C-alpha cells in the first residue's frame, strides 16, 4: 500500500481533514479537494490509484464526476461514500 495515491473528494472541510489524516497514517499519499470540478481537474492531469468521493458535492455531483473520470481514465477505481446522520427525538 505504501505510495498508493488516493484522491479524496469531500465537501466538508472537517471530515476531509480527518480522512486525510487517517489515510496518511495508513501509508497512502493523499490529495484532497472539496468539490467535483477540482477533483476532475486533478484526475485529468495527475495519476491516482483510487478516487474516493461523496455523492453530494459542490459544482459537480459524484455521479457526474464518475462520468467525467471515465472519459479520461476508464480503469481508475472510484468508491462512493455518503455520510448521513439523522437525529431522532424519542
PDB file of N, CA and C in Angstrom:
ATOM      1  N   UNK A   1       0.805  -1.193   0.000  1.00  0.00           N
ATOM      2  CA  UNK A   1       0.000   0.000   0.000  1.00  0.00           C
ATOM      3  C   UNK A   1       0.854   1.266   0.000  1.00  0.00           C
ATOM      4  N   UNK A   2       2.043   1.164   0.451  1.00  0.00           N
ATOM      5  CA  UNK A   2       2.921   2.327   0.546  1.00  0.00           C
ATOM      6  C   UNK A   2       3.039   2.997  -0.811  1.00  0.00           C
ATOM      7  N   UNK A   3       2.823   4.305  -0.815  1.00  0.00           N
ATOM      8  CA  UNK A   3       2.984   5.061  -2.034  1.00  0.00           C
ATOM      9  C   UNK A   3       1.767   5.120  -2.929  1.00  0.00           C
ATOM     10  N   UNK A   4       0.688   4.416  -2.619  1.00  0.00           N
ATOM     11  CA  UNK A   4      -0.518   4.487  -3.445  1.00  0.00           C
ATOM     12  C   UNK A   4      -1.118   5.883  -3.317  1.00  0.00           C
ATOM     13  N   UNK A   5      -1.531   6.434  -4.457  1.00  0.00           N
ATOM     14  CA  UNK A   5      -2.072   7.788  -4.473  1.00  0.00           C
ATOM     15  C   UNK A   5      -3.599   7.749  -4.479  1.00  0.00           C
ATOM     16  N   UNK A   6      -4.181   8.431  -3.506  1.00  0.00           N
ATOM     17  CA  UNK A   6      -5.632   8.496  -3.353  1.00  0.00           C
ATOM     18  C   UNK A   6      -6.075   9.944  -3.508  1.00  0.00           C
ATOM     19  N   UNK A   7      -7.144  10.137  -4.274  1.00  0.00           N
ATOM     20  CA  UNK A   7      -7.787  11.442  -4.339  1.00  0.00           C
ATOM     21  C   UNK A   7      -9.061  11.355  -3.522  1.00  0.00           C
ATOM     22  N   UNK A   8      -9.145  12.153  -2.492  1.00  0.00           N
ATOM     23  CA  UNK A   8     -10.300  12.192  -1.608  1.00  0.00           C
ATOM     24  C   UNK A   8     -11.123  13.428  -1.950  1.00  0.00           C
ATOM     25  N   UNK A   9     -12.407  13.220  -2.224  1.00  0.00           N
ATOM     26  CA  UNK A   9     -13.300  14.325  -2.579  1.00  0.00           C
ATOM     27  C   UNK A   9     -14.396  14.384  -1.523  1.00  0.00           C
ATOM     28  N   UNK A  10     -14.295  15.361  -0.654  1.00  0.00           N
ATOM     29  CA  UNK A  10     -15.206  15.501   0.491  1.00  0.00           C
ATOM     30  C   UNK A  10     -15.532  16.976   0.655  1.00  0.00           C
ATOM     31  N   UNK A  11     -16.820  17.297   0.651  1.00  0.00           N
ATOM     32  CA  UNK A  11     -17.250  18.682   0.734  1.00  0.00           C
ATOM     33  C   UNK A  11     -17.025  19.345   2.077  1.00  0.00           C
ATOM     34  N   UNK A  12     -17.118  18.590   3.146  1.00  0.00           N
ATOM     35  CA  UNK A  12     -16.973  19.160   4.487  1.00  0.00           C
ATOM     36  C   UNK A  12     -15.500  19.189   4.888  1.00  0.00           C
ATOM     37  N   UNK A  13     -14.987  20.373   5.158  1.00  0.00           N
ATOM     38  CA  UNK A  13     -13.566  20.534   5.447  1.00  0.00           C
ATOM     39  C   UNK A  13     -13.106  19.721   6.650  1.00  0.00           C
ATOM     40  N   UNK A  14     -13.899  19.687   7.710  1.00  0.00           N
ATOM     41  CA  UNK A  14     -13.520  18.931   8.906  1.00  0.00           C
ATOM     42  C   UNK A  14     -13.416  17.441   8.606  1.00  0.00           C
ATOM     43  N   UNK A  15     -14.408  16.898   7.924  1.00  0.00           N
ATOM     44  CA  UNK A  15     -14.384  15.476   7.561  1.00  0.00           C
ATOM     45  C   UNK A  15     -13.216  15.178   6.627  1.00  0.00           C
ATOM     46  N   UNK A  16     -12.974  16.091   5.690  1.00  0.00           N
ATOM     47  CA  UNK A  16     -11.880  15.912   4.742  1.00  0.00           C
ATOM     48  C   UNK A  16     -10.541  15.834   5.484  1.00  0.00           C
ATOM     49  N   UNK A  17     -10.331  16.724   6.421  1.00  0.00           N
ATOM     50  CA  UNK A  17      -9.081  16.728   7.199  1.00  0.00           C
ATOM     51  C   UNK A  17      -8.897  15.444   7.997  1.00  0.00           C
ATOM     52  N   UNK A  18      -9.973  14.984   8.628  1.00  0.00           N
ATOM     53  CA  UNK A  18      -9.898  13.744   9.409  1.00  0.00           C
ATOM     54  C   UNK A  18      -9.569  12.547   8.522  1.00  0.00           C
ATOM     55  N   UNK A  19     -10.203  12.486   7.364  1.00  0.00           N
ATOM     56  CA  UNK A  19      -9.972  11.356   6.469  1.00  0.00           C
ATOM     57  C   UNK A  19      -8.554  11.384   5.896  1.00  0.00           C
ATOM     58  N   UNK A  20      -8.048  12.561   5.572  1.00  0.00           N
ATOM     59  CA  UNK A  20      -6.676  12.674   5.073  1.00  0.00           C
ATOM     60  C   UNK A  20      -5.705  12.172   6.133  1.00  0.00           C
ATOM     61  N   UNK A  21      -5.920  12.576   7.359  1.00  0.00           N
ATOM     62  CA  UNK A  21      -5.054  12.136   8.457  1.00  0.00           C
ATOM     63  C   UNK A  21      -5.058  10.614   8.591  1.00  0.00           C
ATOM     64  N   UNK A  22      -6.214  10.013   8.505  1.00  0.00           N
ATOM     65  CA  UNK A  22      -6.318   8.548   8.631  1.00  0.00           C
ATOM     66  C   UNK A  22      -5.636   7.827   7.470  1.00  0.00           C
ATOM     67  N   UNK A  23      -5.866   8.295   6.260  1.00  0.00           N
ATOM     68  CA  UNK A  23      -5.214   7.676   5.100  1.00  0.00           C
ATOM     69  C   UNK A  23      -3.700   7.819   5.179  1.00  0.00           C
ATOM     70  N   UNK A  24      -3.236   8.992   5.598  1.00  0.00           N
ATOM     71  CA  UNK A  24      -1.792   9.204   5.734  1.00  0.00           C
ATOM     72  C   UNK A  24      -1.187   8.232   6.743  1.00  0.00           C
ATOM     73  N   UNK A  25      -1.873   8.011   7.850  1.00  0.00           N
ATOM     74  CA  UNK A  25      -1.371   7.065   8.864  1.00  0.00           C
ATOM     75  C   UNK A  25      -1.274   5.649   8.306  1.00  0.00           C
ATOM     76  N   UNK A  26      -2.109   5.341   7.334  1.00  0.00           N
ATOM     77  CA  UNK A  26      -2.079   4.016   6.711  1.00  0.00           C
ATOM     78  C   UNK A  26      -1.038   3.917   5.605  1.00  0.00           C
ATOM     79  N   UNK A  27      -0.356   5.012   5.325  1.00  0.00           N
ATOM     80  CA  UNK A  27       0.718   4.985   4.343  1.00  0.00           C
ATOM     81  C   UNK A  27       0.342   5.417   2.939  1.00  0.00           C
ATOM     82  N   UNK A  28      -0.858   5.934   2.760  1.00  0.00           N
ATOM     83  CA  UNK A  28      -1.272   6.409   1.445  1.00  0.00           C
ATOM     84  C   UNK A  28      -0.799   7.844   1.226  1.00  0.00           C
ATOM     85  N   UNK A  29      -0.566   8.183  -0.031  1.00  0.00           N
ATOM     86  CA  UNK A  29      -0.303   9.566  -0.417  1.00  0.00           C
ATOM     87  C   UNK A  29      -1.655  10.147  -0.824  1.00  0.00           C
ATOM     88  N   UNK A  30      -2.137  11.131  -0.089  1.00  0.00           N
ATOM     89  CA  UNK A  30      -3.499  11.613  -0.276  1.00  0.00           C
ATOM     90  C   UNK A  30      -3.515  13.059  -0.761  1.00  0.00           C
ATOM     91  N   UNK A  31      -4.316  13.295  -1.787  1.00  0.00           N
ATOM     92  CA  UNK A  31      -4.681  14.646  -2.202  1.00  0.00           C
ATOM     93  C   UNK A  31      -6.155  14.785  -1.873  1.00  0.00           C
ATOM     94  N   UNK A  32      -6.565  15.954  -1.433  1.00  0.00           N
ATOM     95  CA  UNK A  32      -7.962  16.135  -1.054  1.00  0.00           C
ATOM     96  C   UNK A  32      -8.491  17.450  -1.601  1.00  0.00           C
ATOM     97  N   UNK A  33      -9.709  17.391  -2.104  1.00  0.00           N
ATOM     98  CA  UNK A  33     -10.395  18.579  -2.600  1.00  0.00           C
ATOM     99  C   UNK A  33     -11.830  18.561  -2.095  1.00  0.00           C
ATOM    100  N   UNK A  34     -12.479  19.716  -2.188  1.00  0.00           N
ATOM    101  CA  UNK A  34     -13.819  19.842  -1.638  1.00  0.00           C
ATOM    102  C   UNK A  34     -14.945  19.894  -2.642  1.00  0.00           C
ATOM    103  N   UNK A  35     -14.628  19.771  -3.944  1.00  0.00           N
ATOM    104  CA  UNK A  35     -15.720  19.810  -4.916  1.00  0.00           C
ATOM    105  C   UNK A  35     -15.377  18.964  -6.147  1.00  0.00           C
ATOM    106  N   UNK A  36     -16.408  18.626  -6.889  1.00  0.00           N
ATOM    107  CA  UNK A  36     -16.260  17.735  -8.037  1.00  0.00           C
ATOM    108  C   UNK A  36     -15.453  18.314  -9.183  1.00  0.00           C
ATOM    109  N   UNK A  37     -15.581  19.595  -9.426  1.00  0.00           N
ATOM    110  CA  UNK A  37     -14.847  20.212 -10.522  1.00  0.00           C
ATOM    111  C   UNK A  37     -13.344  20.168 -10.272  1.00  0.00           C
ATOM    112  N   UNK A  38     -12.919  20.528  -9.084  1.00  0.00           N
ATOM    113  CA  UNK A  38     -11.486  20.473  -8.758  1.00  0.00           C
ATOM    114  C   UNK A  38     -10.983  19.033  -8.786  1.00  0.00           C
ATOM    115  N   UNK A  39     -11.829  18.097  -8.368  1.00  0.00           N
ATOM    116  CA  UNK A  39     -11.445  16.682  -8.402  1.00  0.00           C
ATOM    117  C   UNK A  39     -11.178  16.245  -9.834  1.00  0.00           C
ATOM    118  N   UNK A  40     -12.075  16.598 -10.745  1.00  0.00           N
ATOM    119  CA  UNK A  40     -11.875  16.200 -12.134  1.00  0.00           C
ATOM    120  C   UNK A  40     -10.608  16.826 -12.707  1.00  0.00           C
ATOM    121  N   UNK A  41     -10.364  18.080 -12.393  1.00  0.00           N
ATOM    122  CA  UNK A  41      -9.140  18.736 -12.880  1.00  0.00           C
ATOM    123  C   UNK A  41      -7.897  17.978 -12.422  1.00  0.00           C
ATOM    124  N   UNK A  42      -7.891  17.497 -11.179  1.00  0.00           N
ATOM    125  CA  UNK A  42      -6.748  16.743 -10.664  1.00  0.00           C
ATOM    126  C   UNK A  42      -6.609  15.392 -11.376  1.00  0.00           C
ATOM    127  N   UNK A  43      -7.713  14.704 -11.570  1.00  0.00           N
ATOM    128  CA  UNK A  43      -7.671  13.400 -12.245  1.00  0.00           C
ATOM    129  C   UNK A  43      -7.194  13.554 -13.680  1.00  0.00           C
ATOM    130  N   UNK A  44      -7.598  14.633 -14.327  1.00  0.00           N
ATOM    131  CA  UNK A  44      -7.227  14.843 -15.729  1.00  0.00           C
ATOM    132  C   UNK A  44      -5.729  15.100 -15.893  1.00  0.00           C
ATOM    133  N   UNK A  45      -5.070  15.632 -14.866  1.00  0.00           N
ATOM    134  CA  UNK A  45      -3.651  15.975 -15.040  1.00  0.00           C
ATOM    135  C   UNK A  45      -2.687  15.119 -14.223  1.00  0.00           C
ATOM    136  N   UNK A  46      -3.168  14.396 -13.199  1.00  0.00           N
ATOM    137  CA  UNK A  46      -2.297  13.601 -12.334  1.00  0.00           C
ATOM    138  C   UNK A  46      -2.713  12.134 -12.337  1.00  0.00           C
ATOM    139  N   UNK A  47      -1.805  11.274 -11.862  1.00  0.00           N
ATOM    140  CA  UNK A  47      -2.107   9.848 -11.728  1.00  0.00           C
ATOM    141  C   UNK A  47      -2.600   9.571 -10.307  1.00  0.00           C
ATOM    142  N   UNK A  48      -3.688   8.813 -10.202  1.00  0.00           N
ATOM    143  CA  UNK A  48      -4.195   8.341  -8.912  1.00  0.00           C
ATOM    144  C   UNK A  48      -4.494   6.856  -9.020  1.00  0.00           C
ATOM    145  N   UNK A  49      -4.332   6.154  -7.904  1.00  0.00           N
ATOM    146  CA  UNK A  49      -4.663   4.735  -7.846  1.00  0.00           C
ATOM    147  C   UNK A  49      -6.111   4.509  -7.431  1.00  0.00           C
ATOM    148  N   UNK A  50      -6.717   5.537  -6.827  1.00  0.00           N
ATOM    149  CA  UNK A  50      -8.082   5.425  -6.319  1.00  0.00           C
ATOM    150  C   UNK A  50      -8.662   6.811  -6.123  1.00  0.00           C
ATOM    151  N   UNK A  51      -9.962   6.953  -6.409  1.00  0.00           N
ATOM    152  CA  UNK A  51     -10.714   8.155  -6.056  1.00  0.00           C
ATOM    153  C   UNK A  51     -11.794   7.732  -5.085  1.00  0.00           C
ATOM    154  N   UNK A  52     -11.869   8.424  -3.964  1.00  0.00           N
ATOM    155  CA  UNK A  52     -12.936   8.202  -3.001  1.00  0.00           C
ATOM    156  C   UNK A  52     -13.719   9.509  -2.920  1.00  0.00           C
ATOM    157  N   UNK A  53     -15.010   9.436  -3.241  1.00  0.00           N
ATOM    158  CA  UNK A  53     -15.803  10.652  -3.352  1.00  0.00           C
ATOM    159  C   UNK A  53     -17.171  10.528  -2.708  1.00  0.00           C
ATOM    160  N   UNK A  54     -17.672  11.652  -2.289  1.00  0.00           N
ATOM    161  CA  UNK A  54     -19.053  11.767  -1.834  1.00  0.00           C
ATOM    162  C   UNK A  54     -19.959  11.803  -3.060  1.00  0.00           C
ATOM    163  N   UNK A  55     -21.224  11.539  -2.842  1.00  0.00           N
ATOM    164  CA  UNK A  55     -22.199  11.690  -3.923  1.00  0.00           C
ATOM    165  C   UNK A  55     -22.614  13.146  -4.079  1.00  0.00           C
ATOM    166  N   UNK A  56     -22.850  13.815  -2.979  1.00  0.00           N
ATOM    167  CA  UNK A  56     -23.318  15.205  -2.988  1.00  0.00           C
ATOM    168  C   UNK A  56     -22.128  16.140  -2.823  1.00  0.00           C
ATOM    169  N   UNK A  57     -21.781  16.815  -3.922  1.00  0.00           N
ATOM    170  CA  UNK A  57     -20.628  17.708  -3.933  1.00  0.00           C
ATOM    171  C   UNK A  57     -20.996  19.044  -4.557  1.00  0.00           C
ATOM    172  N   UNK A  58     -20.286  20.090  -4.191  1.00  0.00           N
ATOM    173  CA  UNK A  58     -20.463  21.364  -4.890  1.00  0.00           C
ATOM    174  C   UNK A  58     -19.913  21.275  -6.321  1.00  0.00           C
ATOM    175  N   UNK A  59     -20.500  22.014  -7.241  1.00  0.00           N
ATOM    176  CA  UNK A  59     -20.046  22.212  -8.621  1.00  0.00           C
ATOM    177  C   UNK A  59     -20.188  21.004  -9.538  1.00  0.00           C
ATOM    178  N   UNK A  60     -20.260  19.802  -9.010  1.00  0.00           N
ATOM    179  CA  UNK A  60     -20.426  18.603  -9.847  1.00  0.00           C
ATOM    180  C   UNK A  60     -20.740  17.445  -8.898  1.00  0.00           C
ATOM    181  N   UNK A  61     -21.807  16.724  -9.155  1.00  0.00           N
ATOM    182  CA  UNK A  61     -22.155  15.603  -8.280  1.00  0.00           C
ATOM    183  C   UNK A  61     -21.135  14.473  -8.417  1.00  0.00           C
ATOM    184  N   UNK A  62     -21.151  13.573  -7.470  1.00  0.00           N
ATOM    185  CA  UNK A  62     -20.274  12.411  -7.534  1.00  0.00           C
ATOM    186  C   UNK A  62     -20.528  11.556  -8.773  1.00  0.00           C
ATOM    187  N   UNK A  63     -21.787  11.426  -9.157  1.00  0.00           N
ATOM    188  CA  UNK A  63     -22.135  10.654 -10.359  1.00  0.00           C
ATOM    189  C   UNK A  63     -21.588  11.352 -11.607  1.00  0.00           C
ATOM    190  N   UNK A  64     -21.750  12.662 -11.680  1.00  0.00           N
ATOM    191  CA  UNK A  64     -21.207  13.399 -12.822  1.00  0.00           C
ATOM    192  C   UNK A  64     -19.685  13.342 -12.834  1.00  0.00           C
ATOM    193  N   UNK A  65     -19.082  13.376 -11.659  1.00  0.00           N
ATOM    194  CA  UNK A  65     -17.624  13.238 -11.563  1.00  0.00           C
ATOM    195  C   UNK A  65     -17.182  11.889 -12.122  1.00  0.00           C
ATOM    196  N   UNK A  66     -17.874  10.822 -11.756  1.00  0.00           N
ATOM    197  CA  UNK A  66     -17.544   9.499 -12.280  1.00  0.00           C
ATOM    198  C   UNK A  66     -17.622   9.474 -13.807  1.00  0.00           C
ATOM    199  N   UNK A  67     -18.667  10.051 -14.360  1.00  0.00           N
ATOM    200  CA  UNK A  67     -18.817  10.087 -15.825  1.00  0.00           C
ATOM    201  C   UNK A  67     -17.648  10.812 -16.475  1.00  0.00           C
ATOM    202  N   UNK A  68     -17.233  11.944 -15.898  1.00  0.00           N
ATOM    203  CA  UNK A  68     -16.107  12.699 -16.446  1.00  0.00           C
ATOM    204  C   UNK A  68     -14.798  11.926 -16.288  1.00  0.00           C
ATOM    205  N   UNK A  69     -14.618  11.271 -15.146  1.00  0.00           N
ATOM    206  CA  UNK A  69     -13.415  10.463 -14.934  1.00  0.00           C
ATOM    207  C   UNK A  69     -13.325   9.375 -15.991  1.00  0.00           C
ATOM    208  N   UNK A  70     -14.436   8.729 -16.299  1.00  0.00           N
ATOM    209  CA  UNK A  70     -14.443   7.646 -17.279  1.00  0.00           C
ATOM    210  C   UNK A  70     -14.050   8.142 -18.667  1.00  0.00           C
ATOM    211  N   UNK A  71     -14.233   9.423 -18.940  1.00  0.00           N
ATOM    212  CA  UNK A  71     -13.820   9.985 -20.229  1.00  0.00           C
ATOM    213  C   UNK A  71     -12.299  10.022 -20.372  1.00  0.00           C
ATOM    214  N   UNK A  72     -11.586  10.157 -19.241  1.00  0.00           N
ATOM    215  CA  UNK A  72     -10.120  10.266 -19.303  1.00  0.00           C
ATOM    216  C   UNK A  72      -9.399   9.038 -18.761  1.00  0.00           C
ATOM    217  N   UNK A  73     -10.106   8.217 -17.974  1.00  0.00           N
ATOM    218  CA  UNK A  73      -9.475   7.027 -17.394  1.00  0.00           C
ATOM    219  C   UNK A  73     -10.560   5.998 -17.079  1.00  0.00           C
ATOM    220  N   UNK A  74     -10.710   5.027 -17.958  1.00  0.00           N
ATOM    221  CA  UNK A  74     -11.764   4.022 -17.798  1.00  0.00           C
ATOM    222  C   UNK A  74     -11.517   3.049 -16.666  1.00  0.00           C
ATOM    223  N   UNK A  75     -10.285   2.883 -16.243  1.00  0.00           N
ATOM    224  CA  UNK A  75      -9.976   1.839 -15.258  1.00  0.00           C
ATOM    225  C   UNK A  75      -9.699   2.356 -13.843  1.00  0.00           C
ATOM    226  N   UNK A  76      -9.746   3.662 -13.633  1.00  0.00           N
ATOM    227  CA  UNK A  76      -9.481   4.211 -12.304  1.00  0.00           C
ATOM    228  C   UNK A  76     -10.601   3.817 -11.340  1.00  0.00           C
ATOM    229  N   UNK A  77     -10.272   3.109 -10.246  1.00  0.00           N
ATOM    230  CA  UNK A  77     -11.300   2.744  -9.276  1.00  0.00           C
ATOM    231  C   UNK A  77     -11.871   3.982  -8.580  1.00  0.00           C
ATOM    232  N   UNK A  78     -13.191   4.020  -8.471  1.00  0.00           N
ATOM    233  CA  UNK A  78     -13.889   5.110  -7.788  1.00  0.00           C
ATOM    234  C   UNK A  78     -14.811   4.492  -6.748  1.00  0.00           C
ATOM    235  N   UNK A  79     -14.653   4.935  -5.512  1.00  0.00           N
ATOM    236  CA  UNK A  79     -15.508   4.475  -4.418  1.00  0.00           C
ATOM    237  C   UNK A  79     -16.368   5.644  -3.972  1.00  0.00           C
ATOM    238  N   UNK A  80     -17.666   5.387  -3.870  1.00  0.00           N
ATOM    239  CA  UNK A  80     -18.587   6.409  -3.372  1.00  0.00           C
ATOM    240  C   UNK A  80     -18.836   6.193  -1.894  1.00  0.00           C
ATOM    241  N   UNK A  81     -18.822   7.292  -1.153  1.00  0.00           N
ATOM    242  CA  UNK A  81     -19.166   7.246   0.258  1.00  0.00           C
ATOM    243  C   UNK A  81     -20.218   8.316   0.516  1.00  0.00           C
ATOM    244  N   UNK A  82     -21.078   8.039   1.463  1.00  0.00           N
ATOM    245  CA  UNK A  82     -22.087   9.016   1.831  1.00  0.00           C
ATOM    246  C   UNK A  82     -22.287   8.943   3.330  1.00  0.00           C
ATOM    247  N   UNK A  83     -22.116  10.052   3.968  1.00  0.00           N
ATOM    248  CA  UNK A  83     -22.308  10.117   5.412  1.00  0.00           C
ATOM    249  C   UNK A  83     -23.583  10.890   5.679  1.00  0.00           C
ATOM    250  N   UNK A  84     -24.554  10.206   6.235  1.00  0.00           N
ATOM    251  CA  UNK A  84     -25.823  10.842   6.533  1.00  0.00           C
ATOM    252  C   UNK A  84     -26.218  10.452   7.942  1.00  0.00           C
ATOM    253  N   UNK A  85     -26.482  11.428   8.734  1.00  0.00           N
ATOM    254  CA  UNK A  85     -26.856  11.163  10.121  1.00  0.00           C
ATOM    255  C   UNK A  85     -28.117  11.965  10.430  1.00  0.00           C
ATOM    256  N   UNK A  86     -29.111  11.277  10.898  1.00  0.00           N
ATOM    257  CA  UNK A  86     -30.356  11.937  11.256  1.00  0.00           C
ATOM    258  C   UNK A  86     -30.579  11.761  12.749  1.00  0.00           C
ATOM    259  N   UNK A  87     -30.892  12.851  13.398  1.00  0.00           N
ATOM    260  CA  UNK A  87     -31.163  12.805  14.824  1.00  0.00           C
ATOM    261  C   UNK A  87     -32.643  12.520  15.029  1.00  0.00           C
ATOM    262  N   UNK A  88     -32.924  11.509  15.790  1.00  0.00           N
ATOM    263  CA  UNK A  88     -34.298  11.159  16.094  1.00  0.00           C
ATOM    264  C   UNK A  88     -34.615  11.547  17.537  1.00  0.00           C
ATOM    265  N   UNK A  89     -35.696  12.247  17.709  1.00  0.00           N
ATOM    266  CA  UNK A  89     -36.140  12.612  19.057  1.00  0.00           C
ATOM    267  C   UNK A  89     -37.211  11.630  19.497  1.00  0.00           C
ATOM    268  N   UNK A  90     -36.870  10.824  20.502  1.00  0.00           N
ATOM    269  CA  UNK A  90     -37.848   9.856  21.034  1.00  0.00           C
ATOM    270  C   UNK A  90     -38.144  10.189  22.461  1.00  0.00           C
TER     271      UNK A  90
END
